[in-house]
Protein backbone atom coordinates (compact mmCIF):
# COMPACT_ATOMS: atom_id res chain seq x y z
CA MET A 1 69.95 100.03 8.37
CA ALA A 2 69.20 96.50 7.14
CA ARG A 3 70.06 94.28 4.16
CA PHE A 4 66.99 92.40 3.07
CA ILE A 5 66.59 89.65 0.66
CA LEU A 6 62.92 89.09 0.11
CA VAL A 7 61.89 85.53 -1.21
CA HIS A 8 58.71 85.15 -3.10
CA GLY A 9 56.51 81.86 -2.52
CA ALA A 10 55.03 79.36 -4.85
CA TRP A 11 53.97 80.52 -8.34
CA HIS A 12 54.66 84.15 -7.69
CA GLY A 13 57.93 86.05 -8.40
CA GLY A 14 59.74 88.94 -7.04
CA TRP A 15 56.82 91.33 -8.05
CA CYS A 16 54.76 90.44 -5.35
CA TRP A 17 57.21 92.63 -3.21
CA ASP A 18 56.42 95.86 -5.19
CA GLU A 19 54.42 97.46 -2.58
CA VAL A 20 56.99 96.78 0.11
CA SER A 21 60.28 96.86 -1.26
CA PRO A 22 59.99 100.91 -1.85
CA ARG A 23 58.62 101.23 1.67
CA LEU A 24 61.66 99.52 3.00
CA ASN A 25 64.05 101.58 0.96
CA ALA A 26 62.19 104.86 2.12
CA LEU A 27 63.04 103.66 5.91
CA GLY A 28 66.89 103.38 4.86
CA HIS A 29 67.16 99.75 4.18
CA GLN A 30 68.73 97.87 1.19
CA VAL A 31 66.26 95.34 -0.47
CA ARG A 32 66.55 92.96 -2.98
CA ALA A 33 63.40 90.99 -4.28
CA PRO A 34 64.47 88.59 -6.87
CA ASP A 35 62.68 86.22 -9.18
CA LEU A 36 63.95 82.78 -8.24
CA PRO A 37 65.32 80.98 -11.21
CA GLY A 38 62.51 79.58 -13.31
CA MET A 39 60.06 81.75 -11.73
CA GLY A 40 58.62 85.22 -12.59
CA ALA A 41 60.35 87.18 -15.27
CA ASP A 42 62.49 83.81 -15.80
CA ALA A 43 59.50 81.42 -16.20
CA ALA A 44 59.29 81.93 -19.70
CA SER A 45 62.81 79.86 -19.83
CA GLY A 46 61.17 77.14 -18.92
CA HIS A 47 63.68 76.26 -16.75
CA VAL A 48 62.38 73.90 -13.66
CA ALA A 49 64.51 74.36 -10.60
CA THR A 50 65.57 72.49 -7.62
CA LEU A 51 65.42 73.59 -3.77
CA ASP A 52 69.11 73.12 -3.75
CA GLU A 53 69.54 75.41 -6.92
CA TRP A 54 67.16 78.02 -5.29
CA ALA A 55 69.05 78.14 -1.82
CA MET A 56 72.32 78.28 -3.34
CA PHE A 57 71.15 81.42 -5.47
CA ILE A 58 69.87 82.95 -2.48
CA ALA A 59 72.91 81.75 -0.30
CA GLY A 60 75.01 83.26 -2.94
CA MET A 61 73.23 86.92 -2.97
CA ALA A 62 73.48 87.17 0.69
CA SER A 63 77.31 85.91 0.78
CA ALA A 64 78.21 88.62 -1.77
CA GLN A 65 76.98 91.49 0.60
CA ASP A 66 79.44 93.04 2.95
CA GLU A 67 77.04 92.26 6.15
CA PRO A 68 74.79 89.50 6.46
CA SER A 69 71.39 89.77 5.02
CA ILE A 70 67.73 89.01 6.63
CA LEU A 71 66.13 86.62 4.56
CA VAL A 72 62.42 87.05 4.49
CA GLY A 73 60.47 83.92 3.05
CA HIS A 74 56.92 83.97 1.92
CA SER A 75 54.85 80.61 1.94
CA ARG A 76 56.85 78.00 -0.13
CA GLY A 77 59.90 80.52 0.24
CA GLY A 78 60.36 79.45 3.74
CA ILE A 79 61.93 76.14 2.67
CA VAL A 80 64.54 78.40 0.65
CA ILE A 81 65.36 80.47 3.29
CA SER A 82 65.91 77.61 5.48
CA ARG A 83 68.23 75.61 3.10
CA ALA A 84 70.03 78.89 2.07
CA ALA A 85 70.72 79.69 5.92
CA GLU A 86 72.13 76.08 6.27
CA LEU A 87 74.54 76.45 3.17
CA ALA A 88 75.86 80.20 4.28
CA PRO A 89 74.80 80.63 7.96
CA GLN A 90 77.36 83.47 8.14
CA ALA A 91 75.60 85.39 5.64
CA VAL A 92 72.26 85.41 7.12
CA ARG A 93 71.42 87.95 10.17
CA ARG A 94 68.05 86.46 10.65
CA LEU A 95 65.24 84.37 8.88
CA VAL A 96 61.83 85.82 8.92
CA TYR A 97 58.83 83.46 7.99
CA LEU A 98 55.94 85.20 6.41
CA ALA A 99 52.96 82.87 6.73
CA ALA A 100 55.66 80.43 5.43
CA VAL A 101 56.53 76.74 5.73
CA MET A 102 58.97 76.26 8.40
CA PRO A 103 59.89 72.45 8.06
CA SER A 104 61.93 70.58 11.00
CA PRO A 105 65.18 69.14 9.64
CA GLY A 106 64.73 66.23 6.82
CA GLU A 107 60.85 67.23 6.50
CA THR A 108 59.08 67.92 3.17
CA MET A 109 56.40 70.04 2.56
CA ALA A 110 54.05 67.36 1.68
CA ASP A 111 55.26 65.78 5.43
CA LEU A 112 54.50 69.10 6.89
CA PHE A 113 50.99 69.78 5.46
CA GLN A 114 49.91 66.00 6.51
CA VAL A 115 51.29 66.32 10.32
CA GLY A 116 49.21 69.50 10.26
CA GLY A 117 46.19 67.89 8.80
CA GLN A 118 46.38 70.38 6.05
CA ASP A 119 46.56 68.20 2.87
CA ARG A 120 44.98 69.95 -0.25
CA SER A 121 41.09 70.32 -0.04
CA PRO A 122 39.41 68.96 -3.09
CA GLN A 123 38.74 72.46 -4.00
CA VAL A 124 42.27 73.26 -4.17
CA ALA A 125 43.54 69.95 -5.54
CA ASP A 126 40.89 70.74 -8.49
CA ALA A 127 42.20 74.18 -9.04
CA ILE A 128 45.80 73.15 -9.81
CA GLY A 129 46.97 71.17 -12.92
CA MET A 130 50.15 69.11 -13.65
CA SER A 131 52.22 69.69 -16.57
CA ASP A 132 51.97 66.87 -19.30
CA ASP A 133 55.43 65.96 -18.10
CA GLY A 134 54.37 66.16 -14.39
CA ARG A 135 57.56 68.36 -13.74
CA THR A 136 55.38 71.55 -12.77
CA MET A 137 51.88 72.59 -11.42
CA ILE A 138 49.79 75.80 -12.46
CA TRP A 139 46.44 77.37 -11.16
CA HIS A 140 43.78 76.93 -13.74
CA SER A 141 40.89 78.40 -11.33
CA ARG A 142 41.10 82.19 -10.83
CA LYS A 143 38.31 82.04 -8.28
CA ALA A 144 40.16 79.07 -6.36
CA ALA A 145 43.54 81.10 -6.14
CA ILE A 146 42.00 84.68 -5.19
CA SER A 147 40.19 82.76 -2.43
CA THR A 148 43.36 81.05 -1.13
CA PHE A 149 45.98 83.78 -1.60
CA TYR A 150 44.07 87.38 -1.65
CA GLY A 151 41.21 86.72 0.45
CA THR A 152 41.49 90.24 2.07
CA THR A 153 43.26 91.87 -0.77
CA PRO A 154 41.56 94.62 -2.75
CA SER A 155 39.88 92.82 -6.04
CA GLU A 156 42.00 94.84 -8.72
CA ARG A 157 45.27 93.78 -6.84
CA ALA A 158 43.93 90.26 -6.58
CA ASP A 159 43.19 89.91 -10.33
CA ALA A 160 46.42 91.37 -11.39
CA ALA A 161 48.63 89.22 -9.27
CA PHE A 162 46.53 86.10 -10.49
CA ALA A 163 47.30 87.04 -14.20
CA ARG A 164 51.05 86.94 -13.28
CA LEU A 165 51.17 83.56 -11.27
CA THR A 166 53.34 81.08 -13.28
CA ALA A 167 54.20 77.42 -13.03
CA GLU A 168 55.61 75.82 -9.89
CA PRO A 169 58.00 72.89 -10.09
CA ALA A 170 56.24 70.21 -8.58
CA ASN A 171 59.41 68.67 -6.80
CA MET A 172 59.44 71.30 -4.24
CA ARG A 173 56.77 69.47 -2.58
CA THR A 174 58.41 66.43 -1.97
CA THR A 175 62.17 67.26 -1.57
CA ALA A 176 63.47 66.91 1.93
CA VAL A 177 64.94 70.09 3.58
CA LEU A 178 68.13 69.13 5.20
CA LEU A 179 69.00 71.27 7.99
CA SER A 180 71.60 71.07 11.04
CA SER A 181 71.46 72.33 14.52
CA ALA A 182 75.00 73.79 13.80
CA ARG A 183 74.33 76.00 10.77
CA TYR A 184 70.60 76.63 10.00
CA GLY A 185 70.03 76.22 14.15
CA ALA A 186 72.40 78.81 14.90
CA VAL A 187 70.45 81.71 12.83
CA PRO A 188 68.04 83.64 14.84
CA ARG A 189 64.55 83.16 13.47
CA SER A 190 61.10 85.15 13.54
CA TYR A 191 57.49 84.26 12.40
CA ILE A 192 54.82 86.51 11.16
CA HIS A 193 51.53 84.79 11.75
CA CYS A 194 48.83 85.77 9.03
CA GLU A 195 45.43 85.29 10.98
CA GLU A 196 43.19 84.98 8.21
CA ASP A 197 45.42 82.72 6.01
CA ARG A 198 43.60 80.06 3.82
CA ALA A 199 46.79 78.75 2.22
CA VAL A 200 48.93 78.23 5.19
CA THR A 201 46.40 78.03 7.90
CA PRO A 202 46.98 79.64 11.39
CA ASP A 203 46.65 76.50 13.07
CA LEU A 204 49.64 75.01 10.70
CA GLN A 205 51.45 77.94 11.48
CA ARG A 206 51.20 77.69 15.29
CA LEU A 207 52.11 74.41 15.02
CA MET A 208 55.40 75.07 13.18
CA VAL A 209 56.29 77.40 15.88
CA ALA A 210 55.66 75.16 18.69
CA ARG A 211 57.90 72.71 16.98
CA GLN A 212 60.61 75.26 16.57
CA PRO A 213 60.10 78.22 18.91
CA CYS A 214 61.06 81.63 17.93
CA ASP A 215 59.77 85.15 18.20
CA THR A 216 56.63 85.65 16.92
CA TYR A 217 54.34 88.73 15.14
CA SER A 218 50.51 88.83 13.95
CA LEU A 219 48.92 90.49 11.02
CA LYS A 220 45.02 90.05 10.70
CA THR A 221 45.26 89.52 6.88
CA ASP A 222 45.14 86.57 4.13
CA HIS A 223 48.11 84.95 2.91
CA SER A 224 49.51 88.14 0.91
CA PRO A 225 50.18 90.89 3.45
CA PHE A 226 52.53 92.40 0.97
CA TYR A 227 49.27 93.60 -0.77
CA SER A 228 46.57 93.55 1.81
CA ALA A 229 48.85 95.28 4.53
CA PRO A 230 52.05 96.76 3.04
CA ASP A 231 51.98 99.25 5.88
CA GLU A 232 51.60 97.04 8.65
CA LEU A 233 53.94 94.47 7.11
CA THR A 234 56.83 96.76 6.56
CA ALA A 235 56.43 98.24 10.26
CA LEU A 236 56.95 94.60 11.42
CA LEU A 237 60.06 94.17 9.23
CA GLN A 238 61.28 97.45 10.72
CA ILE A 239 60.88 96.24 14.18
CA ILE A 240 62.51 93.13 13.44
CA ALA A 241 65.22 94.99 11.70
CA SER A 242 65.86 96.97 14.87
CA ASN A 243 66.03 94.22 17.39
């Protein structure tokens, strides 16, 4: 039995794990899939969080457990679990990056996407709007978002997911992720590749792993295997938890 904390990615909420959480529970694991502050159900508050706020939230949740937790970060959730491990390495059993951003110490997400040659395409850039105050970003093109996130997801599920997307703090792209080898670097890591990903491309995923080698697994899915392949994703998380 393992304790999982599932951390959603940009624009999403804890709701994106609704197919995976009960499957992990059925295998005997304890699972938490929270909305990060200002996201998901909390988006109505209008709160715009910082990376450290999110990292402290997850680190505190892990520290409150009686045993270290496995943190699973999807997409942008990768910077959250990385920083959480830096803040509370004793509370983290393993970091699992699911098609996730895995930055090097001191790097921003914008830096990483430039290094990987994956700056936003004009299609994606045109599909994301900035709030009037410049603090948040939101998708306004259903077609572009579904193509980017849910390419192999059943259409009804993809449509329902798009309807639940909320604003993402713009500062997440430009905040340096402060990590150290003594703390973050001491926590074991695994990476789950998504081979048909159009949000964090397979080439960028492989580049991140090459720079920070770790155990790897692979799914032939889009960016959102919690919808497109929940059984297969659960099986991989079960394998990782058993190691």
